């Protein structure tokens, strides 16, 4: 099976156009963007929701914040697997039902284990 280089022409065009647009955006920002910083301290101060910033923006967060975020993403992604099962529920029959029960069981065991370990305790974050 021999493929011609012309088969890849749309891919090359897409690559060229995306690179050109990215370069154009960077060039426009350099040409028309601000050239110097404002001298007033208020103009360069961070502003968030009408409140002045408290403390440094580079302070350390407890690892628990990241742990909760990773756990949320993990369980959120696993729940996505329920949708194909729900769509094909009738075609899968009894085997598919028991297979999904095993999947839910594994999720439940993981959730209970995290719960017992205290990974879902939000109040304990204040003590760190």
N, C-alpha and C. Protein backbone atom coordinates (compact mmCIF):
# COMPACT_ATOMS: atom_id res chain seq x y z
N UNK A 1 0.85 -1.17 0.00
CA UNK A 1 0.00 0.00 0.00
C UNK A 1 0.89 1.24 0.00
N UNK A 2 0.81 2.01 -1.03
CA UNK A 2 1.66 3.18 -1.22
C UNK A 2 0.84 4.45 -0.99
N UNK A 3 1.33 5.32 -0.11
CA UNK A 3 0.63 6.59 0.12
C UNK A 3 1.46 7.72 -0.47
N UNK A 4 0.78 8.61 -1.06
CA UNK A 4 1.41 9.77 -1.68
C UNK A 4 1.60 10.87 -0.65
N UNK A 5 2.54 11.73 -0.89
CA UNK A 5 2.76 12.88 -0.01
C UNK A 5 1.57 13.82 -0.05
N UNK A 6 0.84 13.84 -1.14
CA UNK A 6 -0.32 14.73 -1.25
C UNK A 6 -1.46 14.31 -0.31
N UNK A 7 -1.43 13.06 0.18
CA UNK A 7 -2.43 12.64 1.16
C UNK A 7 -2.27 13.39 2.48
N UNK A 8 -1.05 13.84 2.73
CA UNK A 8 -0.77 14.54 3.98
C UNK A 8 -0.87 16.05 3.83
N UNK A 9 -1.26 16.54 2.68
CA UNK A 9 -1.35 17.98 2.43
C UNK A 9 -2.27 18.70 3.42
N UNK A 10 -3.47 18.19 3.72
CA UNK A 10 -4.30 18.89 4.71
C UNK A 10 -3.64 18.99 6.08
N UNK A 11 -2.90 17.97 6.46
CA UNK A 11 -2.20 18.00 7.75
C UNK A 11 -1.10 19.07 7.75
N UNK A 12 -0.36 19.15 6.66
CA UNK A 12 0.68 20.17 6.55
C UNK A 12 0.09 21.57 6.54
N UNK A 13 -1.03 21.74 5.87
CA UNK A 13 -1.70 23.05 5.84
C UNK A 13 -2.16 23.44 7.25
N UNK A 14 -2.74 22.49 7.97
CA UNK A 14 -3.17 22.76 9.35
C UNK A 14 -1.99 23.12 10.23
N UNK A 15 -0.90 22.39 10.12
CA UNK A 15 0.29 22.68 10.91
C UNK A 15 0.84 24.07 10.59
N UNK A 16 0.91 24.40 9.30
CA UNK A 16 1.41 25.71 8.90
C UNK A 16 0.50 26.83 9.41
N UNK A 17 -0.83 26.68 9.24
CA UNK A 17 -1.75 27.73 9.67
C UNK A 17 -1.75 27.92 11.19
N UNK A 18 -1.70 26.83 11.93
CA UNK A 18 -1.70 26.97 13.39
C UNK A 18 -0.41 27.63 13.87
N UNK A 19 0.72 27.29 13.26
CA UNK A 19 1.98 27.94 13.62
C UNK A 19 1.96 29.41 13.23
N UNK A 20 1.41 29.71 12.07
CA UNK A 20 1.34 31.11 11.61
C UNK A 20 0.44 31.94 12.52
N UNK A 21 -0.71 31.40 12.92
CA UNK A 21 -1.61 32.15 13.80
C UNK A 21 -0.96 32.37 15.16
N UNK A 22 -0.29 31.35 15.71
CA UNK A 22 0.38 31.52 17.00
C UNK A 22 1.47 32.57 16.91
N UNK A 23 2.25 32.53 15.85
CA UNK A 23 3.30 33.54 15.66
C UNK A 23 2.73 34.93 15.48
N UNK A 24 1.62 35.03 14.75
CA UNK A 24 0.97 36.32 14.54
C UNK A 24 0.45 36.91 15.86
N UNK A 25 -0.13 36.09 16.69
CA UNK A 25 -0.64 36.56 17.98
C UNK A 25 0.52 37.06 18.86
N UNK A 26 1.61 36.34 18.86
CA UNK A 26 2.78 36.77 19.65
C UNK A 26 3.34 38.07 19.10
N UNK A 27 3.44 38.17 17.79
CA UNK A 27 3.95 39.39 17.16
C UNK A 27 3.05 40.59 17.46
N UNK A 28 1.75 40.42 17.39
CA UNK A 28 0.82 41.52 17.68
C UNK A 28 0.95 41.96 19.13
N UNK A 29 1.10 41.00 20.06
CA UNK A 29 1.23 41.38 21.46
C UNK A 29 2.53 42.13 21.73
N UNK A 30 3.60 41.77 21.02
CA UNK A 30 4.87 42.48 21.19
C UNK A 30 4.79 43.88 20.61
N UNK A 31 4.16 44.01 19.45
CA UNK A 31 4.10 45.32 18.79
C UNK A 31 3.15 46.26 19.50
N UNK A 32 1.96 45.78 19.84
CA UNK A 32 0.93 46.67 20.38
C UNK A 32 0.80 46.61 21.92
N UNK A 33 1.51 45.71 22.57
CA UNK A 33 1.41 45.59 24.02
C UNK A 33 2.12 46.70 24.75
N UNK A 34 1.93 46.77 26.06
CA UNK A 34 2.59 47.83 26.84
C UNK A 34 4.11 47.63 26.85
N UNK A 35 4.80 48.74 26.75
CA UNK A 35 6.26 48.70 26.66
C UNK A 35 6.94 48.92 28.02
N UNK A 36 6.22 49.55 28.93
CA UNK A 36 6.83 49.84 30.23
C UNK A 36 5.81 49.60 31.33
N UNK A 37 6.31 49.35 32.51
CA UNK A 37 5.45 49.14 33.66
C UNK A 37 4.93 50.47 34.19
N UNK A 38 3.76 50.43 34.77
CA UNK A 38 3.20 51.64 35.38
C UNK A 38 4.03 51.98 36.63
N UNK A 39 4.18 53.25 36.89
CA UNK A 39 5.00 53.67 38.02
C UNK A 39 4.22 53.64 39.33
N UNK A 40 2.92 53.77 39.26
CA UNK A 40 2.12 53.78 40.48
C UNK A 40 1.99 52.36 41.04
N UNK A 41 2.18 52.21 42.34
CA UNK A 41 2.11 50.89 42.97
C UNK A 41 0.70 50.31 42.89
N UNK A 42 -0.30 51.16 42.91
CA UNK A 42 -1.68 50.66 42.85
C UNK A 42 -1.99 50.02 41.50
N UNK A 43 -1.36 50.50 40.45
CA UNK A 43 -1.65 49.96 39.12
C UNK A 43 -1.05 48.59 38.90
N UNK A 44 0.00 48.23 39.60
CA UNK A 44 0.62 46.92 39.43
C UNK A 44 0.27 45.97 40.56
N UNK A 45 -0.51 46.43 41.53
CA UNK A 45 -0.89 45.56 42.65
C UNK A 45 -1.92 44.54 42.19
N UNK A 46 -1.85 43.30 42.71
CA UNK A 46 -2.86 42.30 42.34
C UNK A 46 -4.22 42.67 42.90
N UNK A 47 -5.25 42.37 42.15
CA UNK A 47 -6.62 42.74 42.52
C UNK A 47 -7.49 41.51 42.33
N UNK A 48 -8.16 41.08 43.38
CA UNK A 48 -8.99 39.88 43.30
C UNK A 48 -10.33 40.14 43.94
N UNK A 49 -11.36 40.16 43.17
CA UNK A 49 -12.74 40.26 43.64
C UNK A 49 -12.98 41.45 44.57
N UNK A 50 -12.33 42.55 44.33
CA UNK A 50 -12.56 43.75 45.12
C UNK A 50 -11.88 43.75 46.47
N UNK A 51 -11.04 42.77 46.74
CA UNK A 51 -10.35 42.71 48.02
C UNK A 51 -8.84 42.81 47.80
N UNK A 52 -8.17 43.44 48.73
CA UNK A 52 -6.72 43.51 48.66
C UNK A 52 -6.13 42.15 48.98
N UNK A 53 -5.02 41.84 48.35
CA UNK A 53 -4.36 40.56 48.58
C UNK A 53 -3.81 40.51 50.00
N UNK A 54 -3.96 39.36 50.65
CA UNK A 54 -3.45 39.17 52.01
C UNK A 54 -2.29 38.19 51.93
N UNK A 55 -1.13 38.62 52.34
CA UNK A 55 0.03 37.74 52.33
C UNK A 55 0.63 37.58 50.94
N UNK A 56 1.57 36.69 50.86
CA UNK A 56 2.27 36.46 49.61
C UNK A 56 1.44 35.54 48.70
N UNK A 57 1.56 35.73 47.43
CA UNK A 57 0.88 34.87 46.47
C UNK A 57 1.61 33.55 46.29
N UNK A 58 2.77 33.41 46.91
CA UNK A 58 3.58 32.21 46.76
C UNK A 58 3.64 31.39 48.04
N UNK A 59 2.66 31.57 48.92
CA UNK A 59 2.68 30.81 50.17
C UNK A 59 2.40 29.34 49.89
N UNK A 60 2.84 28.49 50.77
CA UNK A 60 2.68 27.06 50.60
C UNK A 60 1.30 26.62 51.06
N UNK A 61 0.74 25.69 50.31
CA UNK A 61 -0.54 25.09 50.66
C UNK A 61 -0.28 23.70 51.20
N UNK A 62 -1.10 23.25 52.14
CA UNK A 62 -0.92 21.88 52.62
C UNK A 62 -1.16 20.87 51.49
N UNK A 63 -0.49 19.75 51.58
CA UNK A 63 -0.61 18.71 50.57
C UNK A 63 -2.05 18.20 50.49
N UNK A 64 -2.80 18.34 51.54
CA UNK A 64 -4.18 17.86 51.57
C UNK A 64 -5.05 18.50 50.48
N UNK A 65 -4.78 19.76 50.14
CA UNK A 65 -5.54 20.40 49.06
C UNK A 65 -5.34 19.64 47.75
N UNK A 66 -4.10 19.28 47.48
CA UNK A 66 -3.81 18.55 46.26
C UNK A 66 -4.37 17.14 46.32
N UNK A 67 -4.32 16.52 47.49
CA UNK A 67 -4.86 15.17 47.66
C UNK A 67 -6.36 15.15 47.37
N UNK A 68 -7.08 16.12 47.92
CA UNK A 68 -8.53 16.18 47.69
C UNK A 68 -8.81 16.43 46.20
N UNK A 69 -8.03 17.29 45.56
CA UNK A 69 -8.23 17.57 44.14
C UNK A 69 -7.98 16.33 43.30
N UNK A 70 -6.92 15.59 43.59
CA UNK A 70 -6.62 14.38 42.84
C UNK A 70 -7.70 13.32 43.06
N UNK A 71 -8.17 13.19 44.29
CA UNK A 71 -9.23 12.23 44.57
C UNK A 71 -10.52 12.59 43.85
N UNK A 72 -10.82 13.88 43.80
CA UNK A 72 -12.02 14.31 43.07
C UNK A 72 -11.91 13.96 41.60
N UNK A 73 -10.76 14.25 41.00
CA UNK A 73 -10.58 13.95 39.59
C UNK A 73 -10.63 12.45 39.35
N UNK A 74 -10.00 11.68 40.24
CA UNK A 74 -10.00 10.23 40.09
C UNK A 74 -11.41 9.66 40.11
N UNK A 75 -12.20 10.02 41.10
CA UNK A 75 -13.56 9.49 41.19
C UNK A 75 -14.45 10.08 40.10
N UNK A 76 -14.19 11.30 39.70
CA UNK A 76 -14.97 11.92 38.63
C UNK A 76 -14.75 11.19 37.31
N UNK A 77 -13.51 10.84 37.02
CA UNK A 77 -13.21 10.12 35.79
C UNK A 77 -13.79 8.71 35.84
N UNK A 78 -13.75 8.07 36.99
CA UNK A 78 -14.31 6.72 37.09
C UNK A 78 -15.82 6.73 36.91
N UNK A 79 -16.48 7.79 37.34
CA UNK A 79 -17.93 7.87 37.17
C UNK A 79 -18.30 8.00 35.69
N UNK A 80 -17.39 8.54 34.89
CA UNK A 80 -17.66 8.67 33.46
C UNK A 80 -17.92 7.30 32.83
N UNK A 81 -17.33 6.25 33.39
CA UNK A 81 -17.53 4.91 32.84
C UNK A 81 -18.95 4.40 33.04
N UNK A 82 -19.77 5.08 33.84
CA UNK A 82 -21.17 4.68 33.99
C UNK A 82 -21.99 4.99 32.74
N UNK A 83 -21.62 6.02 32.00
CA UNK A 83 -22.41 6.43 30.84
C UNK A 83 -22.46 5.37 29.73
N UNK A 84 -21.32 4.82 29.30
CA UNK A 84 -21.42 3.78 28.27
C UNK A 84 -22.20 2.56 28.77
N UNK A 85 -22.06 2.25 30.03
CA UNK A 85 -22.82 1.13 30.59
C UNK A 85 -24.32 1.41 30.53
N UNK A 86 -24.70 2.63 30.87
CA UNK A 86 -26.12 2.98 30.86
C UNK A 86 -26.69 2.96 29.45
N UNK A 87 -25.89 3.35 28.47
CA UNK A 87 -26.36 3.36 27.09
C UNK A 87 -26.54 1.94 26.57
N UNK A 88 -25.61 1.04 26.91
CA UNK A 88 -25.65 -0.32 26.38
C UNK A 88 -26.18 -1.32 27.40
N UNK A 89 -26.95 -0.87 28.38
CA UNK A 89 -27.39 -1.74 29.47
C UNK A 89 -28.18 -2.95 28.96
N UNK A 90 -29.13 -2.74 28.06
CA UNK A 90 -29.96 -3.84 27.58
C UNK A 90 -29.17 -4.84 26.73
N UNK A 91 -28.20 -4.35 25.97
CA UNK A 91 -27.43 -5.26 25.13
C UNK A 91 -26.44 -6.09 25.94
N UNK A 92 -25.99 -5.57 27.08
CA UNK A 92 -25.00 -6.29 27.89
C UNK A 92 -25.60 -7.45 28.65
N UNK A 93 -26.83 -7.34 29.02
CA UNK A 93 -27.50 -8.43 29.72
C UNK A 93 -27.01 -8.60 31.14
N UNK A 94 -27.16 -9.81 31.65
CA UNK A 94 -26.82 -10.11 33.04
C UNK A 94 -25.31 -10.02 33.28
N UNK A 95 -24.52 -10.44 32.29
CA UNK A 95 -23.06 -10.36 32.43
C UNK A 95 -22.62 -8.92 32.63
N UNK A 96 -23.14 -8.00 31.83
CA UNK A 96 -22.80 -6.59 31.96
C UNK A 96 -23.21 -6.02 33.30
N UNK A 97 -24.37 -6.47 33.79
CA UNK A 97 -24.84 -6.00 35.09
C UNK A 97 -23.87 -6.41 36.19
N UNK A 98 -23.47 -7.69 36.20
CA UNK A 98 -22.55 -8.15 37.25
C UNK A 98 -21.16 -7.53 37.09
N UNK A 99 -20.76 -7.30 35.86
CA UNK A 99 -19.49 -6.62 35.63
C UNK A 99 -19.51 -5.20 36.20
N UNK A 100 -20.62 -4.49 36.02
CA UNK A 100 -20.73 -3.13 36.58
C UNK A 100 -20.81 -3.19 38.10
N UNK A 101 -21.42 -4.21 38.65
CA UNK A 101 -21.46 -4.34 40.11
C UNK A 101 -20.05 -4.55 40.68
N UNK A 102 -19.22 -5.29 39.97
CA UNK A 102 -17.82 -5.46 40.39
C UNK A 102 -17.10 -4.11 40.34
N UNK A 103 -17.32 -3.35 39.27
CA UNK A 103 -16.70 -2.03 39.13
C UNK A 103 -17.15 -1.10 40.26
N UNK A 104 -18.44 -1.09 40.55
CA UNK A 104 -18.96 -0.25 41.64
C UNK A 104 -18.40 -0.73 42.98
N UNK A 105 -18.25 -2.04 43.14
CA UNK A 105 -17.68 -2.58 44.37
C UNK A 105 -16.25 -2.12 44.58
N UNK A 106 -15.46 -2.12 43.52
CA UNK A 106 -14.07 -1.66 43.63
C UNK A 106 -14.04 -0.17 43.99
N UNK A 107 -14.91 0.62 43.37
CA UNK A 107 -14.99 2.04 43.71
C UNK A 107 -15.40 2.23 45.17
N UNK A 108 -16.35 1.45 45.61
CA UNK A 108 -16.83 1.56 46.99
C UNK A 108 -15.75 1.18 47.99
N UNK A 109 -15.00 0.13 47.70
CA UNK A 109 -13.90 -0.27 48.59
C UNK A 109 -12.86 0.85 48.67
N UNK A 110 -12.52 1.44 47.52
CA UNK A 110 -11.56 2.55 47.52
C UNK A 110 -12.08 3.76 48.28
N UNK A 111 -13.35 4.05 48.12
CA UNK A 111 -13.95 5.20 48.81
C UNK A 111 -13.95 4.97 50.33
N UNK A 112 -14.33 3.77 50.75
CA UNK A 112 -14.35 3.46 52.19
C UNK A 112 -12.95 3.49 52.76
N UNK A 113 -11.97 2.99 52.02
CA UNK A 113 -10.59 3.02 52.49
C UNK A 113 -10.11 4.46 52.68
N UNK A 114 -10.43 5.34 51.71
CA UNK A 114 -10.05 6.75 51.83
C UNK A 114 -10.75 7.41 53.01
N UNK A 115 -12.00 7.05 53.21
CA UNK A 115 -12.78 7.60 54.30
C UNK A 115 -12.17 7.20 55.64
N UNK A 116 -11.80 5.93 55.79
CA UNK A 116 -11.19 5.44 57.04
C UNK A 116 -9.82 6.06 57.28
N UNK A 117 -9.08 6.32 56.21
CA UNK A 117 -7.75 6.94 56.34
C UNK A 117 -7.84 8.42 56.70
N UNK A 118 -9.04 9.02 56.58
CA UNK A 118 -9.21 10.43 56.90
C UNK A 118 -8.84 11.36 55.75
N UNK A 119 -8.73 10.83 54.54
CA UNK A 119 -8.35 11.66 53.41
C UNK A 119 -9.46 12.63 53.01
N UNK A 120 -10.68 12.38 53.45
CA UNK A 120 -11.80 13.24 53.09
C UNK A 120 -12.16 14.22 54.21
N UNK A 121 -11.39 14.26 55.26
CA UNK A 121 -11.67 15.14 56.39
C UNK A 121 -11.16 16.54 56.07
N UNK A 122 -12.04 17.47 55.87
CA UNK A 122 -11.66 18.84 55.53
C UNK A 122 -11.25 19.63 56.76
N UNK A 123 -11.87 19.37 57.91
CA UNK A 123 -11.59 20.14 59.13
C UNK A 123 -10.17 19.94 59.62
N UNK A 124 -9.58 18.78 59.36
CA UNK A 124 -8.23 18.52 59.87
C UNK A 124 -7.17 19.32 59.14
N UNK A 125 -7.54 20.01 58.07
CA UNK A 125 -6.57 20.82 57.32
C UNK A 125 -6.13 22.04 58.12
N UNK A 126 -6.99 22.55 58.97
CA UNK A 126 -6.66 23.74 59.75
C UNK A 126 -5.56 23.45 60.76
N UNK A 127 -5.42 22.19 61.16
CA UNK A 127 -4.45 21.83 62.19
C UNK A 127 -3.04 21.67 61.65
N UNK A 128 -2.88 21.63 60.33
CA UNK A 128 -1.54 21.42 59.76
C UNK A 128 -0.77 22.71 59.70
